[in-house]
Protein backbone atom coordinates (compact mmCIF):
# COMPACT_ATOMS: atom_id res chain seq x y z
CA MET A 1 -12.16 -27.70 3.80
CA GLU A 2 -9.17 -28.88 1.80
CA PRO A 3 -6.13 -26.57 1.68
CA LEU A 4 -5.65 -24.63 -1.54
CA ARG A 5 -2.65 -24.27 -3.83
CA ILE A 6 -2.35 -20.59 -4.73
CA ALA A 7 -0.14 -18.85 -7.30
CA MET A 8 0.44 -15.14 -6.59
CA PHE A 9 1.92 -12.74 -9.13
CA SER A 10 3.22 -9.28 -8.27
CA ASP A 11 5.65 -6.93 -9.99
CA SER A 12 6.32 -5.49 -6.52
CA ALA A 13 7.42 -7.60 -3.56
CA LEU A 14 9.88 -7.44 -0.67
CA PRO A 15 12.60 -6.22 -0.32
CA ILE A 16 10.86 -3.35 -2.17
CA LEU A 17 8.95 -1.54 0.56
CA ASN A 18 5.55 -0.13 -0.41
CA GLY A 19 1.87 -0.80 0.20
CA VAL A 20 1.68 -3.57 -2.40
CA SER A 21 4.68 -5.52 -1.14
CA VAL A 22 3.58 -5.19 2.49
CA SER A 23 0.08 -6.38 1.61
CA VAL A 24 1.39 -9.33 -0.42
CA ASP A 25 3.79 -10.37 2.35
CA ALA A 26 1.06 -10.20 5.01
CA LEU A 27 -1.42 -12.18 2.91
CA VAL A 28 1.11 -14.87 1.95
CA GLY A 29 2.09 -15.34 5.58
CA GLU A 30 -1.50 -15.55 6.80
CA LEU A 31 -2.61 -18.02 4.14
CA ARG A 32 0.33 -20.24 4.96
CA ASN A 33 -0.48 -20.01 8.66
CA GLN A 34 -3.93 -21.36 7.77
CA GLY A 35 -2.39 -24.37 6.02
CA HIS A 36 -2.55 -23.30 2.36
CA SER A 37 0.33 -23.63 -0.10
CA VAL A 38 1.24 -20.23 -1.58
CA HIS A 39 3.81 -19.69 -4.33
CA LEU A 40 4.88 -16.12 -5.14
CA TYR A 41 6.02 -15.14 -8.65
CA THR A 42 7.82 -11.80 -8.76
CA ALA A 43 10.75 -9.90 -10.27
CA ARG A 44 14.35 -10.59 -9.28
CA TYR A 45 15.89 -7.94 -7.03
CA PRO A 46 19.67 -7.26 -7.15
CA HIS A 47 21.69 -9.01 -4.42
CA TYR A 48 18.56 -10.18 -2.57
CA ARG A 49 18.22 -13.79 -1.45
CA ASP A 50 14.77 -15.04 -0.59
CA PRO A 51 14.38 -16.86 2.72
CA ASP A 52 11.38 -18.58 1.14
CA ALA A 53 11.77 -21.54 -1.24
CA ASN A 54 8.31 -20.94 -2.71
CA THR A 55 9.23 -17.55 -4.17
CA TYR A 56 10.11 -17.64 -7.87
CA ARG A 57 12.04 -14.70 -9.32
CA PHE A 58 11.88 -13.73 -12.99
CA ARG A 59 14.90 -12.16 -14.64
CA ALA A 60 14.47 -8.40 -14.37
CA LEU A 61 15.99 -5.06 -15.33
CA GLU A 62 15.58 -1.55 -14.02
CA THR A 63 14.45 1.07 -16.53
CA PRO A 64 14.70 4.88 -16.39
CA ILE A 65 11.07 5.05 -15.21
CA SER A 66 11.32 2.14 -12.75
CA ARG A 67 14.38 2.91 -10.64
CA GLY A 68 14.34 0.71 -7.59
CA TYR A 69 11.59 -1.40 -9.20
CA PRO A 70 13.12 -4.05 -11.49
CA VAL A 71 10.80 -5.12 -14.32
CA ALA A 72 10.57 -8.80 -15.35
CA ILE A 73 11.80 -9.49 -18.88
CA PRO A 74 11.04 -12.41 -21.23
CA PRO A 75 11.47 -15.18 -22.17
CA PHE A 76 9.36 -16.84 -19.47
CA TYR A 77 9.45 -20.45 -20.68
CA ARG A 78 11.49 -21.87 -17.80
CA MET A 79 9.21 -20.29 -15.25
CA LEU A 80 6.16 -21.56 -17.13
CA HIS A 81 7.42 -25.13 -16.72
CA LYS A 82 7.72 -24.57 -12.95
CA PHE A 83 4.21 -23.12 -12.89
CA ARG A 84 2.76 -26.10 -14.72
CA ARG A 85 4.24 -28.61 -12.30
CA GLN A 86 2.41 -27.12 -9.29
CA GLU A 87 -1.23 -27.79 -10.31
CA TYR A 88 -2.70 -24.68 -8.67
CA ASP A 89 -6.31 -24.15 -7.66
CA VAL A 90 -6.39 -20.38 -8.15
CA VAL A 91 -4.23 -17.49 -9.41
CA HIS A 92 -4.08 -14.16 -7.59
CA THR A 93 -2.39 -11.14 -9.23
CA HIS A 94 -1.49 -7.93 -7.41
CA THR A 95 -0.40 -5.72 -10.32
CA PRO A 96 -1.84 -5.41 -13.84
CA PHE A 97 1.44 -4.93 -15.68
CA VAL A 98 4.16 -7.38 -16.78
CA LEU A 99 3.70 -10.11 -14.19
CA GLY A 100 0.01 -9.36 -13.84
CA MET A 101 -0.36 -10.08 -17.55
CA VAL A 102 1.73 -13.25 -17.19
CA GLY A 103 -0.53 -14.43 -14.37
CA LEU A 104 -3.65 -13.62 -16.42
CA ARG A 105 -2.44 -15.46 -19.52
CA TRP A 106 -1.22 -18.49 -17.62
CA ALA A 107 -4.48 -18.71 -15.67
CA GLU A 108 -6.47 -18.54 -18.92
CA SER A 109 -4.31 -21.11 -20.70
CA HIS A 110 -4.54 -23.54 -17.75
CA GLY A 111 -8.24 -23.07 -17.10
CA LEU A 112 -7.68 -21.60 -13.63
CA PRO A 113 -9.88 -19.01 -11.91
CA ILE A 114 -8.13 -15.70 -11.34
CA VAL A 115 -8.52 -13.02 -8.68
CA SER A 116 -6.76 -9.65 -8.82
CA THR A 117 -6.24 -6.96 -6.20
CA TYR A 118 -6.43 -3.33 -7.34
CA HIS A 119 -3.89 -1.72 -5.01
CA THR A 120 -2.98 1.55 -6.72
CA LEU A 121 -4.56 4.48 -8.58
CA TYR A 122 -2.14 4.00 -11.45
CA ASP A 123 -3.14 6.99 -13.57
CA ARG A 124 -1.93 9.25 -10.76
CA TYR A 125 1.62 8.13 -11.65
CA SER A 126 1.61 9.39 -15.24
CA HIS A 127 4.30 11.99 -14.51
CA TYR A 128 6.97 9.26 -14.56
CA PHE A 129 6.50 8.86 -18.34
CA ARG A 130 8.27 12.09 -19.24
CA LEU A 131 8.62 11.52 -22.99
CA LEU A 132 4.89 11.31 -23.69
CA PRO A 133 2.00 13.72 -23.02
CA ARG A 134 0.48 13.13 -19.59
CA ARG A 135 -3.06 13.13 -20.98
CA TYR A 136 -2.15 10.33 -23.38
CA ILE A 137 -0.52 8.27 -20.63
CA ARG A 138 -3.60 8.63 -18.43
CA PHE A 139 -5.79 7.55 -21.34
CA ARG A 140 -3.66 4.44 -21.95
CA ILE A 141 -3.62 3.54 -18.25
CA ALA A 142 -7.40 3.93 -18.08
CA LYS A 143 -7.82 1.68 -21.11
CA HIS A 144 -5.51 -0.96 -19.66
CA THR A 145 -7.26 -0.79 -16.28
CA ASN A 146 -10.57 -1.41 -18.02
CA PHE A 147 -9.14 -4.28 -20.08
CA TYR A 148 -7.27 -6.04 -17.31
CA TYR A 149 -9.80 -5.97 -14.48
CA ASN A 150 -12.65 -6.92 -16.83
CA HIS A 151 -10.74 -10.08 -17.78
CA VAL A 152 -10.35 -11.51 -14.28
CA ASP A 153 -13.02 -13.44 -12.37
CA HIS A 154 -13.09 -11.26 -9.25
CA VAL A 155 -11.46 -8.01 -8.11
CA LEU A 156 -10.37 -7.23 -4.56
CA THR A 157 -9.71 -3.66 -3.52
CA PRO A 158 -8.80 -2.22 -0.11
CA SER A 159 -11.29 0.65 0.12
CA GLU A 160 -14.59 2.03 -1.10
CA ALA A 161 -12.69 4.91 -2.73
CA SER A 162 -10.67 2.57 -4.94
CA MET A 163 -13.78 0.56 -5.82
CA LYS A 164 -15.42 3.78 -7.04
CA TRP A 165 -12.31 4.49 -9.08
CA LEU A 166 -12.69 1.11 -10.80
CA LYS A 167 -16.32 1.90 -11.60
CA ARG A 168 -15.19 5.17 -13.19
CA HIS A 169 -13.05 3.02 -15.50
CA SER A 170 -16.13 0.91 -16.40
CA VAL A 171 -14.89 -2.21 -14.63
CA SER A 172 -17.92 -4.47 -14.23
CA THR A 173 -16.23 -7.53 -12.72
CA PRO A 174 -17.59 -8.55 -9.28
CA THR A 175 -15.61 -6.55 -6.70
CA THR A 176 -15.14 -7.03 -2.97
CA VAL A 177 -13.61 -4.50 -0.57
CA VAL A 178 -11.03 -6.22 1.65
CA PRO A 179 -8.91 -3.79 3.71
CA THR A 180 -5.29 -4.81 4.00
CA GLY A 181 -4.63 -6.42 7.37
CA ILE A 182 -2.19 -4.71 9.70
CA PRO A 183 0.52 -6.97 11.14
CA ARG A 184 0.50 -6.66 14.92
CA GLY A 185 3.99 -6.22 16.28
CA PRO A 186 4.94 -5.86 19.94
CA MET A 187 3.86 -2.60 21.58
CA LEU A 188 6.91 -0.45 22.21
CA GLU A 189 7.50 1.84 25.15
CA ARG A 190 7.19 5.45 23.99
CA ALA A 191 9.71 6.98 26.40
CA GLU A 192 12.26 4.30 25.58
CA MET A 193 11.87 4.78 21.83
CA ARG A 194 12.15 8.58 22.12
CA GLN A 195 15.32 8.24 24.11
CA ALA A 196 16.77 5.72 21.65
CA LEU A 197 16.05 8.08 18.74
CA GLY A 198 17.42 11.12 20.55
CA ILE A 199 14.14 13.03 20.77
CA PRO A 200 14.03 15.77 23.46
CA PRO A 201 11.21 15.30 26.01
CA ASP A 202 9.38 18.50 24.99
CA ALA A 203 9.65 18.01 21.19
CA ARG A 204 6.45 17.38 19.23
CA ILE A 205 7.26 15.01 16.38
CA LEU A 206 5.11 15.12 13.25
CA LEU A 207 5.75 11.87 11.40
CA TYR A 208 5.41 10.99 7.71
CA VAL A 209 6.13 7.44 6.52
CA GLY A 210 6.23 6.65 2.81
CA ARG A 211 8.04 7.25 -0.44
CA LEU A 212 9.37 10.71 -1.18
CA ALA A 213 7.70 11.00 -4.56
CA GLN A 214 5.82 13.66 -6.50
CA GLU A 215 2.50 11.80 -6.32
CA LYS A 216 2.59 11.93 -2.51
CA ASN A 217 1.68 15.64 -2.58
CA LEU A 218 4.59 16.48 -0.27
CA GLY A 219 4.66 20.15 -1.23
CA VAL A 220 1.43 20.69 0.70
CA LEU A 221 2.78 18.80 3.72
CA LEU A 222 6.05 20.74 3.80
CA GLU A 223 4.31 24.09 3.45
CA ALA A 224 1.99 23.16 6.32
CA ALA A 225 4.94 21.98 8.42
CA ALA A 226 6.69 25.31 7.88
CA ALA A 227 3.63 27.16 9.21
CA VAL A 228 3.41 24.87 12.24
CA CYS A 229 7.12 25.20 13.00
CA ARG A 230 6.92 28.99 12.88
CA GLU A 231 4.10 28.97 15.45
CA ASP A 232 5.37 26.17 17.72
CA PRO A 233 9.08 26.03 18.59
CA ARG A 234 8.65 22.45 19.82
CA ALA A 235 7.42 21.11 16.45
CA ARG A 236 9.60 18.88 14.28
CA LEU A 237 8.83 16.98 11.08
CA TRP A 238 10.41 13.57 10.50
CA LEU A 239 10.17 11.97 7.06
CA VAL A 240 10.76 8.20 7.09
CA GLY A 241 11.35 6.89 3.58
CA ASP A 242 13.22 7.80 0.43
CA GLY A 243 12.51 8.32 -3.23
CA PRO A 244 13.05 10.37 -6.37
CA TYR A 245 11.53 13.55 -4.90
CA ARG A 246 13.93 13.80 -1.96
CA GLN A 247 16.11 16.59 -3.33
CA GLU A 248 13.06 18.68 -4.24
CA CYS A 249 11.82 18.21 -0.67
CA VAL A 250 15.20 19.32 0.71
CA ASP A 251 15.08 22.43 -1.48
CA ILE A 252 11.55 23.29 -0.31
CA VAL A 253 12.58 22.91 3.33
CA ARG A 254 15.62 25.14 2.85
CA ARG A 255 13.58 27.86 1.16
CA SER A 256 11.03 27.67 3.97
CA GLY A 257 13.71 28.33 6.57
CA ILE A 258 12.95 25.17 8.60
CA GLY A 259 15.99 23.10 7.61
CA ASP A 260 16.91 22.55 11.26
CA ARG A 261 13.37 21.41 12.13
CA VAL A 262 12.97 18.71 9.47
CA ARG A 263 14.76 15.38 9.56
CA PHE A 264 15.07 13.23 6.45
CA VAL A 265 15.44 9.83 8.11
CA GLY A 266 15.72 7.97 4.81
CA PHE A 267 14.90 4.35 4.12
CA VAL A 268 14.18 2.31 7.24
CA PRO A 269 13.78 -1.51 7.19
CA ARG A 270 10.19 -2.47 7.80
CA ALA A 271 11.03 -4.20 11.08
CA GLU A 272 12.31 -0.88 12.48
CA VAL A 273 9.54 1.48 11.34
CA ASP A 274 7.48 0.70 14.46
CA ARG A 275 10.06 2.53 16.56
CA TYR A 276 9.24 5.78 14.79
CA TYR A 277 5.49 5.27 15.15
CA ALA A 278 5.94 4.66 18.86
CA ALA A 279 8.14 7.73 19.38
CA ALA A 280 6.13 10.29 17.38
CA ASP A 281 3.30 12.58 18.53
CA LEU A 282 1.16 12.94 15.41
CA PHE A 283 0.99 11.21 12.03
CA VAL A 284 0.64 13.51 9.01
CA PHE A 285 -0.16 12.31 5.50
CA SER A 286 -0.76 14.38 2.38
CA SER A 287 -0.98 11.80 -0.40
CA ILE A 288 -4.17 11.78 -2.49
CA THR A 289 -3.18 8.78 -4.63
CA GLU A 290 -3.61 5.96 -2.09
CA THR A 291 -6.24 3.25 -2.33
CA GLN A 292 -6.08 2.66 1.41
CA GLY A 293 -3.23 4.42 3.19
CA LEU A 294 -1.87 1.45 5.12
CA VAL A 295 0.68 3.59 6.98
CA VAL A 296 -2.15 5.64 8.49
CA GLN A 297 -3.61 2.53 10.07
CA GLU A 298 -0.19 1.26 11.15
CA ALA A 299 0.40 4.57 12.94
CA MET A 300 -2.94 4.27 14.75
CA THR A 301 -2.05 0.86 16.15
CA HIS A 302 0.66 2.70 18.10
CA GLY A 303 -1.75 5.31 19.43
CA LEU A 304 -0.84 7.98 16.88
CA PRO A 305 -3.70 10.24 15.79
CA ALA A 306 -3.59 11.13 12.10
CA VAL A 307 -4.22 14.32 10.16
CA VAL A 308 -4.77 13.29 6.54
CA VAL A 309 -5.46 15.20 3.34
CA ALA A 310 -8.74 14.19 1.68
CA GLY A 311 -8.53 12.27 -1.58
CA GLY A 312 -8.09 8.62 -2.52
CA GLY A 313 -8.49 6.08 0.26
CA ALA A 314 -5.93 7.31 2.81
CA GLY A 315 -8.61 8.89 4.98
CA ALA A 316 -10.98 5.91 4.89
CA SER A 317 -10.04 4.81 8.42
CA VAL A 318 -9.95 8.35 9.88
CA VAL A 319 -13.05 9.52 11.78
CA ASP A 320 -12.98 13.25 12.55
CA GLY A 321 -12.63 13.86 16.26
CA LEU A 322 -12.29 10.15 17.06
CA ASN A 323 -8.83 9.12 15.82
CA GLY A 324 -7.78 12.15 13.77
CA PHE A 325 -9.00 14.53 11.10
CA VAL A 326 -9.39 14.59 7.32
CA VAL A 327 -8.78 18.03 5.80
CA LYS A 328 -8.93 19.70 2.40
CA ASN A 329 -5.91 19.54 0.13
CA GLU A 330 -4.73 22.93 1.33
CA ALA A 331 -1.57 23.69 3.32
CA GLY A 332 -3.27 26.34 5.48
CA GLU A 333 -6.05 24.06 6.65
CA LEU A 334 -3.63 21.19 7.20
CA ALA A 335 -1.43 23.44 9.37
CA ARG A 336 -4.37 24.80 11.38
CA THR A 337 -5.64 21.30 12.12
CA ILE A 338 -2.20 20.07 13.20
CA GLN A 339 -1.87 23.09 15.51
CA ARG A 340 -5.31 22.48 16.96
CA VAL A 341 -4.53 18.85 17.80
CA LEU A 342 -1.17 19.72 19.39
CA ARG A 343 -2.58 22.60 21.47
CA ASP A 344 -5.77 20.98 22.74
CA GLU A 345 -4.59 18.50 25.37
CA PRO A 346 -8.02 16.94 26.11
CA LEU A 347 -8.63 16.47 22.38
CA TYR A 348 -5.17 14.99 21.87
CA SER A 349 -5.62 12.57 24.77
CA ARG A 350 -8.97 11.41 23.40
CA LEU A 351 -7.53 10.86 19.91
CA THR A 352 -4.54 8.87 21.18
CA GLU A 353 -6.84 6.68 23.29
CA GLN A 354 -9.27 5.96 20.47
CA ALA A 355 -6.78 5.53 17.60
CA PRO A 356 -5.69 1.94 18.39
CA ARG A 357 -9.26 0.90 19.18
CA SER A 358 -10.50 2.19 15.83
CA VAL A 359 -8.26 -0.19 13.84
CA ARG A 360 -8.58 -3.20 16.12
CA ASP A 361 -10.64 -5.15 13.57
CA LEU A 362 -8.22 -4.58 10.68
CA GLY A 363 -6.08 -7.61 11.47
CA VAL A 364 -4.30 -9.94 9.06
CA PRO A 365 -6.40 -13.02 10.03
CA ALA A 366 -9.62 -11.21 9.10
CA MET A 367 -8.09 -10.22 5.74
CA GLY A 368 -7.04 -13.82 5.10
CA GLU A 369 -10.51 -15.19 5.83
CA ARG A 370 -12.20 -12.72 3.46
CA VAL A 371 -9.72 -13.40 0.66
CA LEU A 372 -10.15 -17.15 1.10
CA ALA A 373 -13.91 -16.76 0.82
CA VAL A 374 -13.42 -15.08 -2.56
CA TYR A 375 -11.01 -17.82 -3.72
CA ARG A 376 -13.51 -20.53 -2.86
CA GLN A 377 -16.31 -18.62 -4.56
CA VAL A 378 -14.46 -18.25 -7.89
CA ILE A 379 -13.37 -21.90 -7.77
CA ARG A 380 -16.97 -22.96 -7.12
CA ASP A 381 -18.29 -20.68 -9.87
CA GLN A 382 -15.83 -22.11 -12.39
CA ARG A 383 -16.78 -25.70 -11.54
CA GLU A 384 -20.50 -24.92 -11.81
CA SER A 385 -19.92 -23.21 -15.16
CA ALA A 386 -17.97 -26.22 -16.43
CA ASN A 387 -20.76 -28.56 -15.32
CA ALA A 388 -23.37 -26.40 -17.03
CA ASP A 389 -21.39 -26.45 -20.26
CA ARG A 390 -21.06 -30.24 -20.03
CA PHE A 391 -24.80 -30.75 -19.61
CA ALA A 392 -25.52 -28.34 -22.46
CA TRP A 393 -24.05 -30.91 -24.85
CA VAL A 394 -26.21 -33.74 -23.53
């Protein structure tokens, strides 16, 4: 088959570090490895220089509700001229907002098929719009979700949970579940990583990786960690990541009396996060707003069992008793399950053995193949529709 020319649009891309940017980066790299030409359109990030000549950056500004996430601003005419020169086969958007709308409009005006990935349960982020009632914001997000994803040719989503969420918003566009592929880095030696990070041999490290944000449900995690730390003097909680909820988390930890047992590691470059996975004992995740929970699967590739709060798609890859446990959104149950895993050595050994095996098939090449199949399908459907319209006039 002939290689494709693909235009990708995303409001979020590296160096911003989140599930969307990681997914986009992995997919772009895999498609290029397979010989396709991929051009990424995203927002300009301060002081960042792209190593990739096929990344196009729109002028952008940060707003009070998008700190750390610059938003593209018009006019877009110069970028439109660059887009037109490329003669793409398909457009793929990864966000439904500013650049998602640009990608949709440009695809429509150029007669190109368009695919969009639904990465995020956006109405769970309504608390960032502080000047308007939360119920109104959720209503507007639901309306936009319905509008946007019903105007593309095909929707991709990383989990069954997020596909159900789209159905709740009356999205009727054909939808395919394609889990985000996990980049396979080199396996790191646990003892070496623990020594490098200064972890005592008998410490039991509970690891969280992700943004420190209100929608991540961190209050439940910190309350559970306090209960675990009171029962087990070896337990420590490490939080890798940063965000607007950091100070609130610090305050909760201080009030809980476990300030010396919790480490706020802060932002860690993606290339170095694997060291923390390799050194930890158990992955803990409390967010109920994820469509997939990519960090859960990344942790499992390093043999980390996961204890995950039910809700959203974060627990989709967790099988109780095989590679971890999914628990109710309740601090007490989360703490009891963590304690059970840490105390029961045979159980813990079985979970650590099965965790990497359980995500073996979630590789980037498999993701690339499934996405390509969707691209070719929408291209074929558009050509058949055009031919049908042509014959209708005969």
